[in-house]
Amino acid sequence: LEDISKHSYFNNKSLRGNTFSTLHEMNDFLDRE
C-alpha cells in the first residue's frame, strides 16, 4: 500500500513517537535487528 501511495504510513510521526519516515524504513530496521 505504501508503494502505491503518494505518501507514507508515517505522515505524522508524532502520533507514534518513532523516528521512521516510512514503513519501509521501519521494515529495514527490523530486518537488521
All heavy atoms as atom14 arrays in JSON, in Angstrom:
{
  "sequence": "LEDISKHSYFNNKSLRGNTFSTLHEMNDFLDRE",
  "atom14_mask": [
    [1, 1, 1, 1, 1, 1, 1, 1, 0, 0, 0, 0, 0, 0],
    [1, 1, 1, 1, 1, 1, 1, 1, 1, 0, 0, 0, 0, 0],
    [1, 1, 1, 1, 1, 1, 1, 1, 0, 0, 0, 0, 0, 0],
    [1, 1, 1, 1, 1, 1, 1, 1, 0, 0, 0, 0, 0, 0],
    [1, 1, 1, 1, 1, 1, 0, 0, 0, 0, 0, 0, 0, 0],
    [1, 1, 1, 1, 1, 1, 1, 1, 1, 0, 0, 0, 0, 0],
    [1, 1, 1, 1, 1, 1, 1, 1, 1, 1, 0, 0, 0, 0],
    [1, 1, 1, 1, 1, 1, 0, 0, 0, 0, 0, 0, 0, 0],
    [1, 1, 1, 1, 1, 1, 1, 1, 1, 1, 1, 1, 0, 0],
    [1, 1, 1, 1, 1, 1, 1, 1, 1, 1, 1, 0, 0, 0],
    [1, 1, 1, 1, 1, 1, 1, 1, 0, 0, 0, 0, 0, 0],
    [1, 1, 1, 1, 1, 1, 1, 1, 0, 0, 0, 0, 0, 0],
    [1, 1, 1, 1, 1, 1, 1, 1, 1, 0, 0, 0, 0, 0],
    [1, 1, 1, 1, 1, 1, 0, 0, 0, 0, 0, 0, 0, 0],
    [1, 1, 1, 1, 1, 1, 1, 1, 0, 0, 0, 0, 0, 0],
    [1, 1, 1, 1, 1, 1, 1, 1, 1, 1, 1, 0, 0, 0],
    [1, 1, 1, 1, 0, 0, 0, 0, 0, 0, 0, 0, 0, 0],
    [1, 1, 1, 1, 1, 1, 1, 1, 0, 0, 0, 0, 0, 0],
    [1, 1, 1, 1, 1, 1, 1, 0, 0, 0, 0, 0, 0, 0],
    [1, 1, 1, 1, 1, 1, 1, 1, 1, 1, 1, 0, 0, 0],
    [1, 1, 1, 1, 1, 1, 0, 0, 0, 0, 0, 0, 0, 0],
    [1, 1, 1, 1, 1, 1, 1, 0, 0, 0, 0, 0, 0, 0],
    [1, 1, 1, 1, 1, 1, 1, 1, 0, 0, 0, 0, 0, 0],
    [1, 1, 1, 1, 1, 1, 1, 1, 1, 1, 0, 0, 0, 0],
    [1, 1, 1, 1, 1, 1, 1, 1, 1, 0, 0, 0, 0, 0],
    [1, 1, 1, 1, 1, 1, 1, 1, 0, 0, 0, 0, 0, 0],
    [1, 1, 1, 1, 1, 1, 1, 1, 0, 0, 0, 0, 0, 0],
    [1, 1, 1, 1, 1, 1, 1, 1, 0, 0, 0, 0, 0, 0],
    [1, 1, 1, 1, 1, 1, 1, 1, 1, 1, 1, 0, 0, 0],
    [1, 1, 1, 1, 1, 1, 1, 1, 0, 0, 0, 0, 0, 0],
    [1, 1, 1, 1, 1, 1, 1, 1, 0, 0, 0, 0, 0, 0],
    [1, 1, 1, 1, 1, 1, 1, 1, 1, 1, 1, 0, 0, 0],
    [1, 1, 1, 1, 1, 1, 1, 1, 1, 0, 0, 0, 0, 0]
  ],
  "atom14_positions": [
    [[0.83, -1.2, 0.0], [0.0, 0.0, 0.0], [0.86, 1.25, 0.0], [0.56, 2.23, -0.69], [-0.92, 0.01, 1.22], [-2.05, -1.02, 1.27], [-2.81, -0.9, 2.58], [-2.99, -0.86, 0.08], [0.0, 0.0, 0.0], [0.0, 0.0, 0.0], [0.0, 0.0, 0.0], [0.0, 0.0, 0.0], [0.0, 0.0, 0.0], [0.0, 0.0, 0.0]],
    [[1.93, 1.21, 0.78], [2.82, 2.37, 0.83], [3.53, 2.58, -0.51], [3.76, 3.72, -0.93], [3.85, 2.2, 1.95], [4.67, 3.47, 2.19], [5.61, 3.33, 3.37], [6.6, 2.58, 3.25], [5.36, 3.98, 4.4], [0.0, 0.0, 0.0], [0.0, 0.0, 0.0], [0.0, 0.0, 0.0], [0.0, 0.0, 0.0], [0.0, 0.0, 0.0]],
    [[3.86, 1.49, -1.2], [4.49, 1.6, -2.52], [3.57, 2.33, -3.5], [4.03, 3.14, -4.33], [4.81, 0.21, -3.07], [6.03, -0.42, -2.43], [6.89, 0.34, -1.94], [6.12, -1.66, -2.41], [0.0, 0.0, 0.0], [0.0, 0.0, 0.0], [0.0, 0.0, 0.0], [0.0, 0.0, 0.0], [0.0, 0.0, 0.0], [0.0, 0.0, 0.0]],
    [[2.29, 2.03, -3.44], [1.33, 2.61, -4.38], [0.97, 4.04, -4.0], [0.73, 4.89, -4.86], [0.05, 1.74, -4.41], [0.39, 0.31, -4.85], [-1.0, 2.34, -5.33], [-0.77, -0.66, -4.69], [0.0, 0.0, 0.0], [0.0, 0.0, 0.0], [0.0, 0.0, 0.0], [0.0, 0.0, 0.0], [0.0, 0.0, 0.0], [0.0, 0.0, 0.0]],
    [[0.95, 4.31, -2.69], [0.5, 5.61, -2.19], [1.51, 6.72, -2.48], [2.7, 6.47, -2.62], [0.28, 5.51, -0.68], [-0.17, 6.74, -0.16], [0.0, 0.0, 0.0], [0.0, 0.0, 0.0], [0.0, 0.0, 0.0], [0.0, 0.0, 0.0], [0.0, 0.0, 0.0], [0.0, 0.0, 0.0], [0.0, 0.0, 0.0], [0.0, 0.0, 0.0]],
    [[1.0, 7.95, -2.54], [1.86, 9.11, -2.73], [2.51, 9.55, -1.42], [3.42, 10.38, -1.42], [1.04, 10.28, -3.3], [0.56, 10.08, -4.72], [1.71, 10.1, -5.71], [1.2, 9.99, -7.14], [2.31, 10.0, -8.12], [0.0, 0.0, 0.0], [0.0, 0.0, 0.0], [0.0, 0.0, 0.0], [0.0, 0.0, 0.0], [0.0, 0.0, 0.0]],
    [[2.04, 9.03, -0.32], [2.61, 9.39, 0.97], [2.76, 8.13, 1.81], [2.14, 7.1, 1.54], [1.75, 10.43, 1.69], [0.29, 10.13, 1.65], [-0.55, 10.59, 0.66], [-0.49, 9.39, 2.46], [-1.77, 10.17, 0.86], [-1.78, 9.43, 1.96], [0.0, 0.0, 0.0], [0.0, 0.0, 0.0], [0.0, 0.0, 0.0], [0.0, 0.0, 0.0]],
    [[3.57, 8.22, 2.85], [3.92, 7.03, 3.62], [2.93, 6.77, 4.76], [2.01, 7.56, 5.0], [5.32, 7.2, 4.21], [5.27, 8.02, 5.37], [0.0, 0.0, 0.0], [0.0, 0.0, 0.0], [0.0, 0.0, 0.0], [0.0, 0.0, 0.0], [0.0, 0.0, 0.0], [0.0, 0.0, 0.0], [0.0, 0.0, 0.0], [0.0, 0.0, 0.0]],
    [[3.15, 5.69, 5.45], [2.37, 5.37, 6.64], [2.67, 6.34, 7.78], [1.9, 6.43, 8.73], [2.65, 3.94, 7.1], [1.51, 3.0, 6.79], [1.44, 2.36, 5.56], [0.51, 2.77, 7.71], [0.39, 1.5, 5.26], [-0.55, 1.92, 7.42], [-0.6, 1.3, 6.2], [-1.65, 0.46, 5.91], [0.0, 0.0, 0.0], [0.0, 0.0, 0.0]],
    [[3.79, 7.04, 7.68], [4.2, 7.92, 8.78], [4.09, 9.38, 8.39], [5.04, 10.14, 8.4], [5.63, 7.59, 9.21], [5.8, 6.19, 9.71], [6.88, 5.42, 9.32], [4.87, 5.62, 10.55], [7.04, 4.12, 9.78], [5.01, 4.33, 11.01], [6.09, 3.57, 10.63], [0.0, 0.0, 0.0], [0.0, 0.0, 0.0], [0.0, 0.0, 0.0]],
    [[2.87, 9.79, 8.02], [2.66, 11.2, 7.69], [2.85, 12.09, 8.9], [3.25, 13.24, 8.8], [1.24, 11.4, 7.15], [1.07, 10.75, 5.8], [1.71, 11.13, 4.84], [0.22, 9.74, 5.74], [0.0, 0.0, 0.0], [0.0, 0.0, 0.0], [0.0, 0.0, 0.0], [0.0, 0.0, 0.0], [0.0, 0.0, 0.0], [0.0, 0.0, 0.0]],
    [[2.54, 11.54, 10.06], [2.66, 12.31, 11.29], [3.34, 11.44, 12.33], [2.72, 10.72, 13.08], [1.27, 12.74, 11.8], [1.36, 13.67, 12.99], [2.4, 13.76, 13.64], [0.27, 14.35, 13.28], [0.0, 0.0, 0.0], [0.0, 0.0, 0.0], [0.0, 0.0, 0.0], [0.0, 0.0, 0.0], [0.0, 0.0, 0.0], [0.0, 0.0, 0.0]],
    [[4.68, 11.5, 12.36], [5.45, 10.61, 13.21], [5.17, 10.82, 14.69], [5.37, 9.93, 15.5], [6.95, 10.78, 12.92], [7.35, 10.26, 11.55], [8.85, 10.3, 11.34], [9.36, 11.7, 11.16], [10.79, 11.74, 10.83], [0.0, 0.0, 0.0], [0.0, 0.0, 0.0], [0.0, 0.0, 0.0], [0.0, 0.0, 0.0], [0.0, 0.0, 0.0]],
    [[4.71, 12.02, 15.06], [4.49, 12.31, 16.48], [3.41, 11.43, 17.08], [3.34, 11.23, 18.28], [4.1, 13.78, 16.66], [2.87, 14.05, 16.03], [0.0, 0.0, 0.0], [0.0, 0.0, 0.0], [0.0, 0.0, 0.0], [0.0, 0.0, 0.0], [0.0, 0.0, 0.0], [0.0, 0.0, 0.0], [0.0, 0.0, 0.0], [0.0, 0.0, 0.0]],
    [[2.53, 10.87, 16.2], [1.48, 10.01, 16.71], [2.04, 8.75, 17.34], [1.45, 8.15, 18.2], [0.52, 9.62, 15.57], [-0.41, 10.73, 15.09], [-1.17, 10.28, 13.86], [-1.4, 11.1, 16.19], [0.0, 0.0, 0.0], [0.0, 0.0, 0.0], [0.0, 0.0, 0.0], [0.0, 0.0, 0.0], [0.0, 0.0, 0.0], [0.0, 0.0, 0.0]],
    [[3.21, 8.32, 16.89], [3.82, 7.12, 17.43], [5.09, 7.42, 18.22], [5.6, 6.59, 18.93], [4.19, 6.16, 16.31], [3.0, 5.59, 15.6], [3.48, 4.67, 14.5], [2.39, 4.44, 13.57], [2.07, 5.3, 12.63], [2.75, 6.41, 12.5], [1.07, 5.06, 11.83], [0.0, 0.0, 0.0], [0.0, 0.0, 0.0], [0.0, 0.0, 0.0]],
    [[5.63, 8.61, 18.06], [6.87, 8.94, 18.74], [8.06, 8.18, 18.17], [9.08, 8.0, 18.84], [0.0, 0.0, 0.0], [0.0, 0.0, 0.0], [0.0, 0.0, 0.0], [0.0, 0.0, 0.0], [0.0, 0.0, 0.0], [0.0, 0.0, 0.0], [0.0, 0.0, 0.0], [0.0, 0.0, 0.0], [0.0, 0.0, 0.0], [0.0, 0.0, 0.0]],
    [[7.94, 7.7, 16.92], [9.07, 6.98, 16.34], [9.89, 7.89, 15.44], [9.55, 9.04, 15.2], [8.59, 5.73, 15.58], [7.81, 6.1, 14.32], [8.25, 6.92, 13.53], [6.65, 5.49, 14.14], [0.0, 0.0, 0.0], [0.0, 0.0, 0.0], [0.0, 0.0, 0.0], [0.0, 0.0, 0.0], [0.0, 0.0, 0.0], [0.0, 0.0, 0.0]],
    [[10.99, 7.36, 14.95], [11.9, 8.17, 14.14], [11.9, 7.76, 12.68], [12.74, 8.22, 11.91], [13.33, 8.06, 14.69], [13.73, 6.67, 14.67], [13.41, 8.58, 16.11], [0.0, 0.0, 0.0], [0.0, 0.0, 0.0], [0.0, 0.0, 0.0], [0.0, 0.0, 0.0], [0.0, 0.0, 0.0], [0.0, 0.0, 0.0], [0.0, 0.0, 0.0]],
    [[10.99, 6.89, 12.28], [10.97, 6.4, 10.9], [10.18, 7.33, 10.0], [9.17, 7.9, 10.4], [10.36, 5.0, 10.85], [11.1, 4.0, 11.7], [10.52, 3.49, 12.85], [12.37, 3.58, 11.35], [11.19, 2.57, 13.63], [13.06, 2.66, 12.13], [12.47, 2.16, 13.27], [0.0, 0.0, 0.0], [0.0, 0.0, 0.0], [0.0, 0.0, 0.0]],
    [[10.65, 7.47, 8.77], [9.95, 8.3, 7.79], [8.95, 7.5, 6.97], [7.96, 8.03, 6.49], [10.97, 8.96, 6.85], [11.83, 9.8, 7.57], [0.0, 0.0, 0.0], [0.0, 0.0, 0.0], [0.0, 0.0, 0.0], [0.0, 0.0, 0.0], [0.0, 0.0, 0.0], [0.0, 0.0, 0.0], [0.0, 0.0, 0.0], [0.0, 0.0, 0.0]],
    [[9.24, 6.21, 6.8], [8.37, 5.34, 6.02], [8.26, 3.98, 6.68], [9.1, 3.59, 7.5], [8.89, 5.14, 4.58], [10.11, 4.38, 4.64], [9.16, 6.48, 3.89], [0.0, 0.0, 0.0], [0.0, 0.0, 0.0], [0.0, 0.0, 0.0], [0.0, 0.0, 0.0], [0.0, 0.0, 0.0], [0.0, 0.0, 0.0], [0.0, 0.0, 0.0]],
    [[7.23, 3.24, 6.29], [7.08, 1.87, 6.79], [8.23, 1.0, 6.27], [8.7, 0.11, 6.98], [5.74, 1.31, 6.33], [5.25, 0.04, 7.03], [4.98, 0.32, 8.51], [3.99, -0.49, 6.36], [0.0, 0.0, 0.0], [0.0, 0.0, 0.0], [0.0, 0.0, 0.0], [0.0, 0.0, 0.0], [0.0, 0.0, 0.0], [0.0, 0.0, 0.0]],
    [[8.69, 1.27, 5.05], [9.81, 0.51, 4.5], [11.08, 0.74, 5.33], [11.88, -0.18, 5.51], [10.05, 0.91, 3.04], [9.14, 0.22, 2.08], [7.82, 0.57, 1.93], [9.35, -0.81, 1.22], [7.26, -0.2, 1.01], [8.16, -1.05, 0.57], [0.0, 0.0, 0.0], [0.0, 0.0, 0.0], [0.0, 0.0, 0.0], [0.0, 0.0, 0.0]],
    [[11.25, 1.96, 5.79], [12.41, 2.26, 6.63], [12.34, 1.46, 7.93], [13.34, 0.92, 8.4], [12.46, 3.75, 6.93], [13.73, 4.21, 7.65], [13.74, 5.7, 7.88], [13.38, 6.45, 6.95], [14.09, 6.11, 9.01], [0.0, 0.0, 0.0], [0.0, 0.0, 0.0], [0.0, 0.0, 0.0], [0.0, 0.0, 0.0], [0.0, 0.0, 0.0]],
    [[11.16, 1.38, 8.51], [10.97, 0.58, 9.71], [11.22, -0.89, 9.41], [11.83, -1.62, 10.2], [9.55, 0.77, 10.26], [9.3, 0.03, 11.56], [7.64, 0.34, 12.23], [7.78, -0.5, 13.82], [0.0, 0.0, 0.0], [0.0, 0.0, 0.0], [0.0, 0.0, 0.0], [0.0, 0.0, 0.0], [0.0, 0.0, 0.0], [0.0, 0.0, 0.0]],
    [[10.75, -1.35, 8.25], [10.94, -2.74, 7.85], [12.43, -3.08, 7.74], [12.88, -4.13, 8.22], [10.25, -2.98, 6.51], [10.39, -4.41, 6.03], [9.74, -5.31, 6.53], [11.25, -4.62, 5.05], [0.0, 0.0, 0.0], [0.0, 0.0, 0.0], [0.0, 0.0, 0.0], [0.0, 0.0, 0.0], [0.0, 0.0, 0.0], [0.0, 0.0, 0.0]],
    [[13.2, -2.18, 7.14], [14.65, -2.4, 7.0], [15.32, -2.47, 8.36], [16.21, -3.3, 8.6], [15.28, -1.29, 6.16], [14.83, -1.33, 4.7], [14.32, -2.39, 4.28], [14.98, -0.31, 4.0], [0.0, 0.0, 0.0], [0.0, 0.0, 0.0], [0.0, 0.0, 0.0], [0.0, 0.0, 0.0], [0.0, 0.0, 0.0], [0.0, 0.0, 0.0]],
    [[14.89, -1.59, 9.27], [15.46, -1.59, 10.63], [15.16, -2.91, 11.34], [16.05, -3.52, 11.95], [14.88, -0.42, 11.43], [15.23, -0.46, 12.89], [16.48, -0.03, 13.33], [14.33, -0.94, 13.83], [16.82, -0.07, 14.68], [14.64, -0.98, 15.17], [15.9, -0.55, 15.6], [0.0, 0.0, 0.0], [0.0, 0.0, 0.0], [0.0, 0.0, 0.0]],
    [[13.92, -3.37, 11.25], [13.54, -4.6, 11.91], [14.21, -5.81, 11.27], [14.55, -6.78, 11.96], [12.02, -4.77, 11.89], [11.24, -3.76, 12.74], [9.74, -3.92, 12.53], [11.58, -3.91, 14.22], [0.0, 0.0, 0.0], [0.0, 0.0, 0.0], [0.0, 0.0, 0.0], [0.0, 0.0, 0.0], [0.0, 0.0, 0.0], [0.0, 0.0, 0.0]],
    [[14.44, -5.75, 9.96], [15.19, -6.82, 9.29], [16.6, -6.92, 9.87], [17.1, -8.02, 10.15], [15.29, -6.54, 7.79], [14.03, -6.93, 7.02], [13.17, -7.62, 7.6], [13.92, -6.53, 5.85], [0.0, 0.0, 0.0], [0.0, 0.0, 0.0], [0.0, 0.0, 0.0], [0.0, 0.0, 0.0], [0.0, 0.0, 0.0], [0.0, 0.0, 0.0]],
    [[17.23, -5.76, 10.06], [18.6, -5.76, 10.61], [18.6, -6.28, 12.05], [19.49, -7.04, 12.44], [19.18, -4.34, 10.56], [19.47, -3.84, 9.15], [20.33, -2.59, 9.16], [19.67, -1.47, 9.8], [18.89, -0.6, 9.16], [18.66, -0.73, 7.86], [18.34, 0.41, 9.8], [0.0, 0.0, 0.0], [0.0, 0.0, 0.0], [0.0, 0.0, 0.0]],
    [[17.59, -5.86, 12.83], [17.52, -6.32, 14.21], [17.3, -7.83, 14.28], [17.88, -8.52, 15.12], [16.37, -5.61, 14.94], [16.62, -4.14, 15.21], [17.82, -3.93, 16.13], [17.79, -4.46, 17.25], [18.79, -3.26, 15.72], [0.0, 0.0, 0.0], [0.0, 0.0, 0.0], [0.0, 0.0, 0.0], [0.0, 0.0, 0.0], [0.0, 0.0, 0.0]]
  ]
}
